[in-house]
């Protein structure tokens, strides 16, 4: 796989990059390992200053960084700007709260003392995707640098300029050499990296297949891994939902990031009493979206990240129809040079169809009508994925009880699944394991070391 920037708006090659050679990779690992030996002894104050500087530089350079995101993967420019703001907030969040999160835990003992102290474990490998090229990096890197670990980052091969800019920001922020290193390499090098004894753990956000490979390699080496993989999030609409606002959120939940989001609302499960009303209003809103250049302020739906992504999504739609699903809206490529697909709604989906169990990564919604809330929950849980989900109802207590019955890592009520610095992010089942963000996100790659003080004559 080549490392290059291709503008998905017109599928034109912008720039190509040479992959790092074996000597450069070895130097990167050795430098990160060397940096760890000193970084692990720095104070939380020193670590926080670097993270705060990174946050400030992200905000200072937001205009240009946002354009780079949009150029490389097609996100609407206003959403790219929002991603930079969110990323900066994450760096500030861990700079402000990391020391408290990592404070010693005092255990109650009959004699002497016992504490649990959180210590760094070493150099970590991060494998990150293209759909949120700054945010995904921030939520992995910020907590682990605050812990005292060092980072090697293998970014997606279609966002090399974003990857390079992140490393430049760390350098400008005064980070020591080796604290954060961008590895300009292709995915086939990941297994070799995990085999290296100087790398102590790995985190991946991406596809189920890529996650399985990384987990297997990490397991062989007895190394900790964290995986955030695919999702097929439900958007459950009950009969008492405030319909117009619910439909507005349905559009946001499905179309955000041009539909390319692990926690995008993908399966719309609506109780029979309001199913027709929801579907008609949902169709009307989606069909009115303005498609165009993601750099333009008035564009509402941009291209997918690449021509390959668009082709694969179209194949999924065509296969669904061939197997018996119906198209209520869209279903085709948009004529032109870019990686565009129409906003689409699929209906009449049955359990035996391939599309019933797979993730649709783009502006394609799967619509289901159900008899009642029990049938909605049964359908929601009939999925190999378990990342997030949403319930829309005016009765909050009812919705909270239903949330308890959904097998996912996250459930939002009256809002699509989303992310903030202080909310834990992660899933269950084939959506992965481990958590990022909040206080939980700083606890994944640490040594919880027990220190026990006893009197010399104390019994066991």
Protein backbone atom coordinates (compact mmCIF):
# COMPACT_ATOMS: atom_id res chain seq x y z
CA UNK A 1 0.00 0.00 0.00
CA UNK A 2 1.40 3.39 -0.96
CA UNK A 3 1.47 6.40 1.35
CA UNK A 4 -0.13 9.33 -0.41
CA UNK A 5 -2.65 12.13 -0.25
CA UNK A 6 -5.50 11.75 -2.73
CA UNK A 7 -8.22 14.41 -2.58
CA UNK A 8 -11.50 12.41 -2.43
CA UNK A 9 -13.48 15.37 -3.76
CA UNK A 10 -11.92 14.87 -7.22
CA UNK A 11 -9.78 11.71 -6.75
CA UNK A 12 -6.66 13.62 -7.78
CA UNK A 13 -3.25 12.72 -6.38
CA UNK A 14 -1.87 15.57 -4.25
CA UNK A 15 1.37 14.19 -2.86
CA UNK A 16 3.24 10.92 -2.33
CA UNK A 17 5.59 9.99 0.50
CA UNK A 18 8.49 7.58 0.85
CA UNK A 19 8.06 4.89 3.48
CA UNK A 20 10.58 4.78 6.31
CA UNK A 21 13.30 2.16 5.81
CA UNK A 22 14.43 -0.43 8.37
CA UNK A 23 17.25 1.76 9.69
CA UNK A 24 14.89 4.71 10.23
CA UNK A 25 12.34 2.51 12.00
CA UNK A 26 15.03 1.11 14.29
CA UNK A 27 16.22 4.63 15.11
CA UNK A 28 12.64 5.67 15.94
CA UNK A 29 12.15 2.75 18.33
CA UNK A 30 15.52 3.27 20.01
CA UNK A 31 14.89 6.99 20.42
CA UNK A 32 11.44 6.42 21.92
CA UNK A 33 12.84 3.83 24.32
CA UNK A 34 15.67 6.15 25.34
CA UNK A 35 13.24 9.02 25.86
CA UNK A 36 11.12 6.82 28.12
CA UNK A 37 14.00 6.28 30.51
CA UNK A 38 14.02 10.00 31.32
CA UNK A 39 10.37 10.92 30.63
CA UNK A 40 9.16 8.38 33.18
CA UNK A 41 10.95 10.40 35.90
CA UNK A 42 9.54 13.80 34.93
CA UNK A 43 6.96 15.49 37.12
CA UNK A 44 3.29 15.69 36.24
CA UNK A 45 3.81 19.45 35.98
CA UNK A 46 6.38 19.03 33.21
CA UNK A 47 4.17 16.57 31.33
CA UNK A 48 1.14 18.83 31.66
CA UNK A 49 3.04 21.80 30.23
CA UNK A 50 3.82 19.87 27.04
CA UNK A 51 0.18 18.80 26.66
CA UNK A 52 -1.08 22.35 27.23
CA UNK A 53 1.35 23.66 24.60
CA UNK A 54 0.11 21.04 22.12
CA UNK A 55 -3.47 22.14 22.78
CA UNK A 56 -2.56 25.80 22.27
CA UNK A 57 -0.77 25.08 19.01
CA UNK A 58 -3.72 23.07 17.70
CA UNK A 59 -6.02 26.02 18.31
CA UNK A 60 -3.53 28.53 16.92
CA UNK A 61 -3.16 26.57 13.68
CA UNK A 62 -6.77 25.38 13.42
CA UNK A 63 -7.49 26.97 10.05
CA UNK A 64 -4.65 25.24 8.21
CA UNK A 65 -4.91 21.95 10.07
CA UNK A 66 -8.63 21.77 9.31
CA UNK A 67 -7.99 22.24 5.61
CA UNK A 68 -5.44 19.42 5.70
CA UNK A 69 -8.01 17.07 7.25
CA UNK A 70 -10.61 17.97 4.63
CA UNK A 71 -8.11 17.71 1.79
CA UNK A 72 -6.96 14.23 2.79
CA UNK A 73 -10.20 12.48 3.84
CA UNK A 74 -13.10 14.67 2.72
CA UNK A 75 -14.64 15.74 6.02
CA UNK A 76 -16.73 18.94 5.83
CA UNK A 77 -14.46 21.86 6.73
CA UNK A 78 -16.65 22.97 9.63
CA UNK A 79 -16.47 19.43 11.04
CA UNK A 80 -12.68 19.44 10.63
CA UNK A 81 -12.56 22.65 12.64
CA UNK A 82 -14.68 21.01 15.33
CA UNK A 83 -12.30 18.05 15.39
CA UNK A 84 -9.32 20.30 16.07
CA UNK A 85 -11.20 21.98 18.93
CA UNK A 86 -12.13 18.59 20.41
CA UNK A 87 -8.56 17.34 20.11
CA UNK A 88 -7.21 20.42 21.87
CA UNK A 89 -9.77 19.96 24.63
CA UNK A 90 -8.57 16.38 25.17
CA UNK A 91 -4.94 17.46 25.60
CA UNK A 92 -5.99 20.15 28.06
CA UNK A 93 -8.27 17.73 29.92
CA UNK A 94 -5.50 15.27 30.70
CA UNK A 95 -3.04 18.06 31.48
CA UNK A 96 -5.53 19.46 34.00
CA UNK A 97 -6.76 16.18 35.51
CA UNK A 98 -4.06 13.58 34.92
CA UNK A 99 -2.24 14.03 38.21
CA UNK A 100 -5.47 13.56 40.19
CA UNK A 101 -6.44 10.51 38.12
CA UNK A 102 -3.04 8.94 38.78
CA UNK A 103 -2.80 9.74 42.49
CA UNK A 104 -1.82 6.97 44.89
CA UNK A 105 -4.69 4.85 46.18
CA UNK A 106 -4.45 4.19 49.91
CA UNK A 107 -5.61 0.73 50.94
CA UNK A 108 -6.98 -0.05 54.39
CA UNK A 109 -4.73 -2.51 56.21
CA UNK A 110 -4.51 -3.67 59.82
CA UNK A 111 -0.88 -2.67 60.27
CA UNK A 112 1.62 -0.57 58.40
CA UNK A 113 0.79 0.95 55.02
CA UNK A 114 -0.38 -0.22 51.60
CA UNK A 115 -0.67 1.94 48.52
CA UNK A 116 -1.29 1.35 44.82
CA UNK A 117 0.93 3.58 42.71
CA UNK A 118 0.35 4.08 38.99
CA UNK A 119 3.57 3.80 36.99
CA UNK A 120 4.27 4.02 33.24
CA UNK A 121 5.16 0.86 31.35
CA UNK A 122 7.21 2.12 28.39
CA UNK A 123 6.90 2.84 24.70
CA UNK A 124 3.48 2.23 23.17
CA UNK A 125 2.44 1.67 19.57
CA UNK A 126 -0.70 3.42 18.34
CA UNK A 127 -2.38 2.42 15.07
CA UNK A 128 -4.93 5.07 14.14
CA UNK A 129 -7.52 5.52 11.35
CA UNK A 130 -8.23 8.21 8.81
CA UNK A 131 -11.79 9.20 9.75
CA UNK A 132 -10.79 11.44 12.68
CA UNK A 133 -7.06 11.92 12.03
CA UNK A 134 -6.42 14.30 14.95
CA UNK A 135 -9.06 13.29 17.50
CA UNK A 136 -8.25 9.58 17.38
CA UNK A 137 -4.58 10.36 18.00
CA UNK A 138 -5.36 12.80 20.82
CA UNK A 139 -7.46 10.38 22.84
CA UNK A 140 -4.72 7.73 22.74
CA UNK A 141 -1.68 9.98 23.10
CA UNK A 142 -2.71 12.58 25.70
CA UNK A 143 -3.42 10.24 28.63
CA UNK A 144 -0.43 8.02 27.97
CA UNK A 145 2.04 10.88 27.77
CA UNK A 146 0.62 12.15 31.05
CA UNK A 147 1.20 8.68 32.54
CA UNK A 148 4.88 8.86 31.50
CA UNK A 149 4.83 6.54 28.49
CA UNK A 150 6.27 7.42 25.07
CA UNK A 151 4.47 7.02 21.75
CA UNK A 152 5.15 5.55 18.31
CA UNK A 153 2.24 6.36 16.02
CA UNK A 154 1.41 4.53 12.80
CA UNK A 155 -1.30 6.58 11.12
CA UNK A 156 -3.54 5.62 8.20
CA UNK A 157 -1.72 5.72 4.88
CA UNK A 158 -4.20 8.13 3.27
CA UNK A 159 -3.67 10.93 5.83
CA UNK A 160 0.14 11.29 5.85
CA UNK A 161 0.10 15.09 5.97
CA UNK A 162 -2.11 15.06 9.07
CA UNK A 163 0.29 12.57 10.66
CA UNK A 164 3.32 14.72 9.88
CA UNK A 165 1.65 17.86 11.22
CA UNK A 166 0.91 16.20 14.57
CA UNK A 167 4.57 15.31 15.06
CA UNK A 168 5.57 18.88 14.11
CA UNK A 169 3.22 20.23 16.77
CA UNK A 170 4.84 18.09 19.45
CA UNK A 171 8.28 19.28 18.37
CA UNK A 172 7.16 22.92 18.47
CA UNK A 173 5.59 22.31 21.89
CA UNK A 174 9.01 21.43 23.26
CA UNK A 175 8.51 17.67 23.55
CA UNK A 176 11.80 15.78 23.93
CA UNK A 177 12.96 13.75 20.95
CA UNK A 178 11.25 10.37 21.04
CA UNK A 179 8.25 11.38 23.15
CA UNK A 180 5.99 11.30 20.09
CA UNK A 181 7.17 9.81 16.80
CA UNK A 182 5.22 9.49 13.57
CA UNK A 183 5.99 6.25 11.74
CA UNK A 184 5.55 6.78 8.04
CA UNK A 185 5.04 3.09 7.28
CA UNK A 186 2.45 0.73 5.82
CA UNK A 187 0.36 -1.72 7.80
CA UNK A 188 2.45 -4.78 7.03
CA UNK A 189 5.14 -3.51 9.43
CA UNK A 190 2.89 -3.56 12.50
CA UNK A 191 3.50 -7.18 13.50
CA UNK A 192 7.26 -6.70 13.47
CA UNK A 193 6.92 -3.64 15.68
CA UNK A 194 4.78 -5.48 18.23
CA UNK A 195 7.40 -8.26 18.35
CA UNK A 196 10.01 -5.73 19.45
CA UNK A 197 10.60 -6.09 23.20
CA UNK A 198 11.03 -2.32 23.60
CA UNK A 199 7.37 -1.76 22.68
CA UNK A 200 5.26 -2.62 25.71
CA UNK A 201 1.67 -2.28 24.44
CA UNK A 202 -0.47 -1.39 21.45
CA UNK A 203 -3.75 0.36 20.75
CA UNK A 204 -5.72 0.25 17.50
CA UNK A 205 -8.80 2.01 16.25
CA UNK A 206 -9.97 0.57 12.97
CA UNK A 207 -11.53 -2.42 11.31
CA UNK A 208 -12.42 -5.71 12.96
CA UNK A 209 -9.88 -7.56 10.79
CA UNK A 210 -7.02 -5.19 11.62
CA UNK A 211 -7.90 -5.36 15.30
CA UNK A 212 -7.90 -9.15 15.33
CA UNK A 213 -4.43 -9.25 13.76
CA UNK A 214 -3.01 -6.75 16.21
CA UNK A 215 -4.59 -8.51 19.21
CA UNK A 216 -3.22 -11.86 18.04
CA UNK A 217 0.29 -10.50 17.71
CA UNK A 218 0.10 -8.68 21.04
CA UNK A 219 -1.20 -11.84 22.69
CA UNK A 220 1.68 -13.89 21.35
CA UNK A 221 4.03 -11.39 22.97
CA UNK A 222 2.01 -11.15 26.21
CA UNK A 223 1.46 -7.45 25.67
CA UNK A 224 -1.56 -5.37 26.59
CA UNK A 225 -3.76 -4.11 23.76
CA UNK A 226 -6.79 -1.83 23.48
CA UNK A 227 -9.12 -2.07 20.49
CA UNK A 228 -11.86 0.26 19.28
CA UNK A 229 -13.35 -1.41 16.22
CA UNK A 230 -16.51 -1.27 14.14
CA UNK A 231 -20.01 -0.42 15.23
CA UNK A 232 -23.57 -0.83 14.03
CA UNK A 233 -25.20 1.61 16.42
CA UNK A 234 -28.94 1.61 16.88
CA UNK A 235 -31.15 4.68 16.91
CA UNK A 236 -34.33 3.57 18.69
CA UNK A 237 -37.42 5.79 18.33
CA UNK A 238 -40.29 5.16 20.74
CA UNK A 239 -43.85 6.32 20.20
CA UNK A 240 -43.52 9.28 22.61
CA UNK A 241 -40.38 10.73 21.00
CA UNK A 242 -40.45 14.42 20.06
CA UNK A 243 -40.54 13.62 16.37
CA UNK A 244 -39.20 16.67 14.56
CA UNK A 245 -36.17 17.04 16.84
CA UNK A 246 -35.63 13.28 16.75
CA UNK A 247 -35.50 13.34 12.95
CA UNK A 248 -33.04 16.23 13.03
CA UNK A 249 -30.78 14.20 15.32
CA UNK A 250 -31.24 11.16 13.08
CA UNK A 251 -29.75 13.11 10.17
CA UNK A 252 -26.83 14.31 12.30
CA UNK A 253 -26.27 10.84 13.70
CA UNK A 254 -26.14 9.23 10.26
CA UNK A 255 -24.46 11.93 8.14
CA UNK A 256 -21.83 13.30 10.54
CA UNK A 257 -18.36 12.86 9.01
CA UNK A 258 -20.13 11.93 5.76
CA UNK A 259 -21.40 8.83 7.56
CA UNK A 260 -17.92 7.50 8.28
CA UNK A 261 -17.95 7.24 12.03
CA UNK A 262 -17.72 4.14 14.22
CA UNK A 263 -20.47 5.49 16.48
CA UNK A 264 -22.64 6.89 13.70
CA UNK A 265 -26.32 5.97 13.96
CA UNK A 266 -26.65 3.14 11.45
CA UNK A 267 -29.70 1.02 12.35
CA UNK A 268 -32.87 3.06 12.78
CA UNK A 269 -35.36 1.02 14.79
CA UNK A 270 -38.76 2.69 15.06
CA UNK A 271 -41.91 1.41 16.78
CA UNK A 272 -44.84 0.82 14.45
CA UNK A 273 -46.99 3.63 15.84
CA UNK A 274 -44.64 6.33 14.49
CA UNK A 275 -42.65 4.41 11.85
CA UNK A 276 -44.33 5.94 8.79
CA UNK A 277 -44.06 9.47 10.15
CA UNK A 278 -40.39 9.06 11.00
CA UNK A 279 -39.48 7.50 7.66
CA UNK A 280 -41.16 10.21 5.59
CA UNK A 281 -39.57 13.03 7.55
CA UNK A 282 -36.19 11.29 7.55
CA UNK A 283 -36.34 10.83 3.77
CA UNK A 284 -37.27 14.46 3.27
CA UNK A 285 -34.36 15.72 5.38
CA UNK A 286 -31.78 13.44 3.76
CA UNK A 287 -32.94 14.16 0.23
CA UNK A 288 -32.59 17.92 0.86
CA UNK A 289 -28.91 17.73 1.83
CA UNK A 290 -26.62 19.78 -0.39
CA UNK A 291 -23.85 17.63 -1.85
CA UNK A 292 -20.60 19.30 -2.88
CA UNK A 293 -17.06 20.37 -2.15
CA UNK A 294 -16.32 19.76 1.56
CA UNK A 295 -14.29 22.98 1.59
CA UNK A 296 -17.44 25.01 0.86
CA UNK A 297 -19.30 26.34 3.90
CA UNK A 298 -22.76 25.47 2.56
CA UNK A 299 -21.98 21.81 1.69
CA UNK A 300 -23.88 19.33 3.88
CA UNK A 301 -22.69 16.02 2.43
CA UNK A 302 -19.19 15.50 1.09
CA UNK A 303 -17.37 12.55 -0.47
CA UNK A 304 -16.28 9.36 1.20
CA UNK A 305 -12.63 9.13 2.18
CA UNK A 306 -11.52 7.43 -1.03
CA UNK A 307 -12.72 5.98 -4.30
CA UNK A 308 -12.11 2.50 -2.88
CA UNK A 309 -14.39 3.27 0.07
CA UNK A 310 -17.13 4.50 -2.25
CA UNK A 311 -16.84 1.44 -4.48
CA UNK A 312 -17.02 -0.93 -1.52
CA UNK A 313 -20.06 0.81 -0.04
CA UNK A 314 -21.84 0.68 -3.40
CA UNK A 315 -21.15 -3.05 -3.56
CA UNK A 316 -22.75 -3.46 -0.13
CA UNK A 317 -25.86 -1.55 -1.26
CA UNK A 318 -26.13 -3.56 -4.48
CA UNK A 319 -25.75 -6.85 -2.60
CA UNK A 320 -28.42 -5.83 -0.10
CA UNK A 321 -30.86 -5.12 -2.92
CA UNK A 322 -29.99 -8.36 -4.67
CA UNK A 323 -30.76 -10.23 -1.44
CA UNK A 324 -34.17 -8.56 -1.12
CA UNK A 325 -33.74 -5.23 0.65
CA UNK A 326 -35.60 -2.20 -0.72
CA UNK A 327 -34.26 1.28 -1.41
CA UNK A 328 -36.42 4.03 0.07
CA UNK A 329 -33.97 6.76 -0.92
CA UNK A 330 -30.77 7.06 -2.96
CA UNK A 331 -28.74 3.93 -3.49
CA UNK A 332 -26.39 5.09 -6.24
CA UNK A 333 -23.08 6.83 -6.91
CA UNK A 334 -23.29 10.55 -7.60
CA UNK A 335 -22.07 11.38 -11.10
CA UNK A 336 -18.72 13.15 -11.07
CA UNK A 337 -15.03 12.65 -10.34
CA UNK A 338 -15.20 12.37 -6.56
CA UNK A 339 -15.89 9.51 -4.15
CA UNK A 340 -19.55 10.41 -3.70
CA UNK A 341 -22.56 8.26 -2.82
CA UNK A 342 -26.15 9.44 -2.45
CA UNK A 343 -27.70 9.62 1.01
CA UNK A 344 -29.47 6.25 1.12
CA UNK A 345 -32.14 4.46 3.16
CA UNK A 346 -32.50 0.67 3.01
CA UNK A 347 -35.70 -1.02 4.23
CA UNK A 348 -37.19 -4.54 4.39
CA UNK A 349 -33.93 -5.94 5.76
CA UNK A 350 -34.13 -9.54 7.02
CA UNK A 351 -31.79 -11.44 9.37
CA UNK A 352 -30.61 -13.75 6.60
CA UNK A 353 -29.29 -10.83 4.52
CA UNK A 354 -25.61 -9.91 4.68
CA UNK A 355 -26.41 -6.26 5.34
CA UNK A 356 -28.29 -7.20 8.52
CA UNK A 357 -25.04 -7.94 10.37
CA UNK A 358 -22.46 -5.73 8.66
CA UNK A 359 -21.38 -2.15 9.16
CA UNK A 360 -22.21 0.41 6.45
CA UNK A 361 -19.48 3.04 6.64
CA UNK A 362 -20.98 5.96 4.77
CA UNK A 363 -24.28 7.85 4.31
CA UNK A 364 -26.48 4.73 4.26
CA UNK A 365 -29.18 4.12 6.88
CA UNK A 366 -30.86 0.79 7.62
CA UNK A 367 -34.51 1.25 8.63
CA UNK A 368 -36.51 -1.23 10.71
CA UNK A 369 -40.06 -1.03 12.03
CA UNK A 370 -40.91 -2.99 15.17
CA UNK A 371 -44.03 -3.73 17.19
CA UNK A 372 -42.90 -2.39 20.55
CA UNK A 373 -39.92 -1.63 22.80
CA UNK A 374 -39.25 -5.28 23.59
CA UNK A 375 -38.89 -6.08 19.90
CA UNK A 376 -36.70 -3.00 19.50
CA UNK A 377 -34.30 -4.20 22.20
CA UNK A 378 -34.21 -7.73 20.79
CA UNK A 379 -33.32 -6.36 17.34
CA UNK A 380 -30.78 -3.92 18.80
CA UNK A 381 -28.91 -6.75 20.54
CA UNK A 382 -29.01 -9.06 17.53
CA UNK A 383 -25.68 -7.78 16.24
CA UNK A 384 -22.05 -8.89 16.45
CA UNK A 385 -21.16 -5.30 17.38
CA UNK A 386 -21.64 -3.48 20.66
CA UNK A 387 -20.19 0.03 20.47
CA UNK A 388 -22.92 2.62 21.09
CA UNK A 389 -26.59 3.36 20.60
CA UNK A 390 -29.38 5.86 21.18
CA UNK A 391 -32.92 5.87 22.55
CA UNK A 392 -35.38 8.68 21.87
CA UNK A 393 -38.28 9.12 24.28
CA UNK A 394 -39.84 11.83 26.45
CA UNK A 395 -40.00 9.34 29.32
CA UNK A 396 -36.43 9.44 30.63
CA UNK A 397 -36.90 6.77 33.29
CA UNK A 398 -38.34 4.40 30.71
CA UNK A 399 -35.43 5.11 28.38
CA UNK A 400 -32.88 4.51 31.16
CA UNK A 401 -34.40 1.11 31.92
CA UNK A 402 -34.21 0.21 28.24
CA UNK A 403 -30.59 1.42 28.13
CA UNK A 404 -29.75 -1.21 30.76
CA UNK A 405 -30.97 -3.89 28.36
CA UNK A 406 -28.82 -2.85 25.37
CA UNK A 407 -25.53 -4.75 24.98
CA UNK A 408 -23.20 -1.90 24.08
CA UNK A 409 -20.42 0.09 25.71
CA UNK A 410 -22.37 3.35 25.44
CA UNK A 411 -26.03 4.37 25.30
CA UNK A 412 -27.19 7.95 24.79
CA UNK A 413 -30.73 9.12 25.50
CA UNK A 414 -32.25 11.75 23.18
CA UNK A 415 -28.93 12.28 21.40
CA UNK A 416 -26.85 10.27 18.92
CA UNK A 417 -23.78 8.53 20.33
CA UNK A 418 -20.97 11.06 20.61
CA UNK A 419 -17.75 11.80 22.43
CA UNK A 420 -16.30 14.29 24.90
CA UNK A 421 -13.11 14.38 26.93
CA UNK A 422 -14.78 13.42 30.21
CA UNK A 423 -16.96 10.57 28.87
CA UNK A 424 -15.53 7.02 28.60
CA UNK A 425 -15.48 5.69 25.04
CA UNK A 426 -15.40 2.03 24.05
CA UNK A 427 -17.46 -1.04 23.26
CA UNK A 428 -18.10 -4.71 23.83
CA UNK A 429 -18.53 -7.84 21.69
CA UNK A 430 -16.77 -7.45 18.30
CA UNK A 431 -16.50 -3.69 18.75
CA UNK A 432 -13.38 -4.21 20.83
CA UNK A 433 -12.27 -3.84 24.43
CA UNK A 434 -10.76 -1.28 26.74
CA UNK A 435 -11.76 2.35 27.22
CA UNK A 436 -10.46 5.70 26.06
CA UNK A 437 -11.15 9.19 27.43
CA UNK A 438 -12.32 10.18 30.94
CA UNK A 439 -10.47 8.85 33.98
CA UNK A 440 -10.82 5.33 32.57
CA UNK A 441 -8.76 6.15 29.48
CA UNK A 442 -5.64 6.88 31.50
CA UNK A 443 -5.72 3.49 33.25
CA UNK A 444 -5.16 1.15 30.30
CA UNK A 445 -1.37 1.25 29.91
CA UNK A 446 -0.10 1.60 33.46
CA UNK A 447 1.48 -0.63 36.08
CA UNK A 448 -0.73 -0.56 39.17
CA UNK A 449 2.11 -1.21 41.58
CA UNK A 450 1.41 -2.27 45.16
CA UNK A 451 3.78 -0.82 47.76
CA UNK A 452 3.34 -2.48 51.15
CA UNK A 453 5.07 -1.27 54.33
CA UNK A 454 5.09 -3.68 57.27
CA UNK A 455 6.74 -3.77 60.64
CA UNK A 456 9.75 -6.07 60.76
CA UNK A 457 7.97 -8.31 63.28
CA UNK A 458 4.49 -8.18 61.69
CA UNK A 459 3.02 -11.57 60.69
CA UNK A 460 1.84 -12.27 57.13
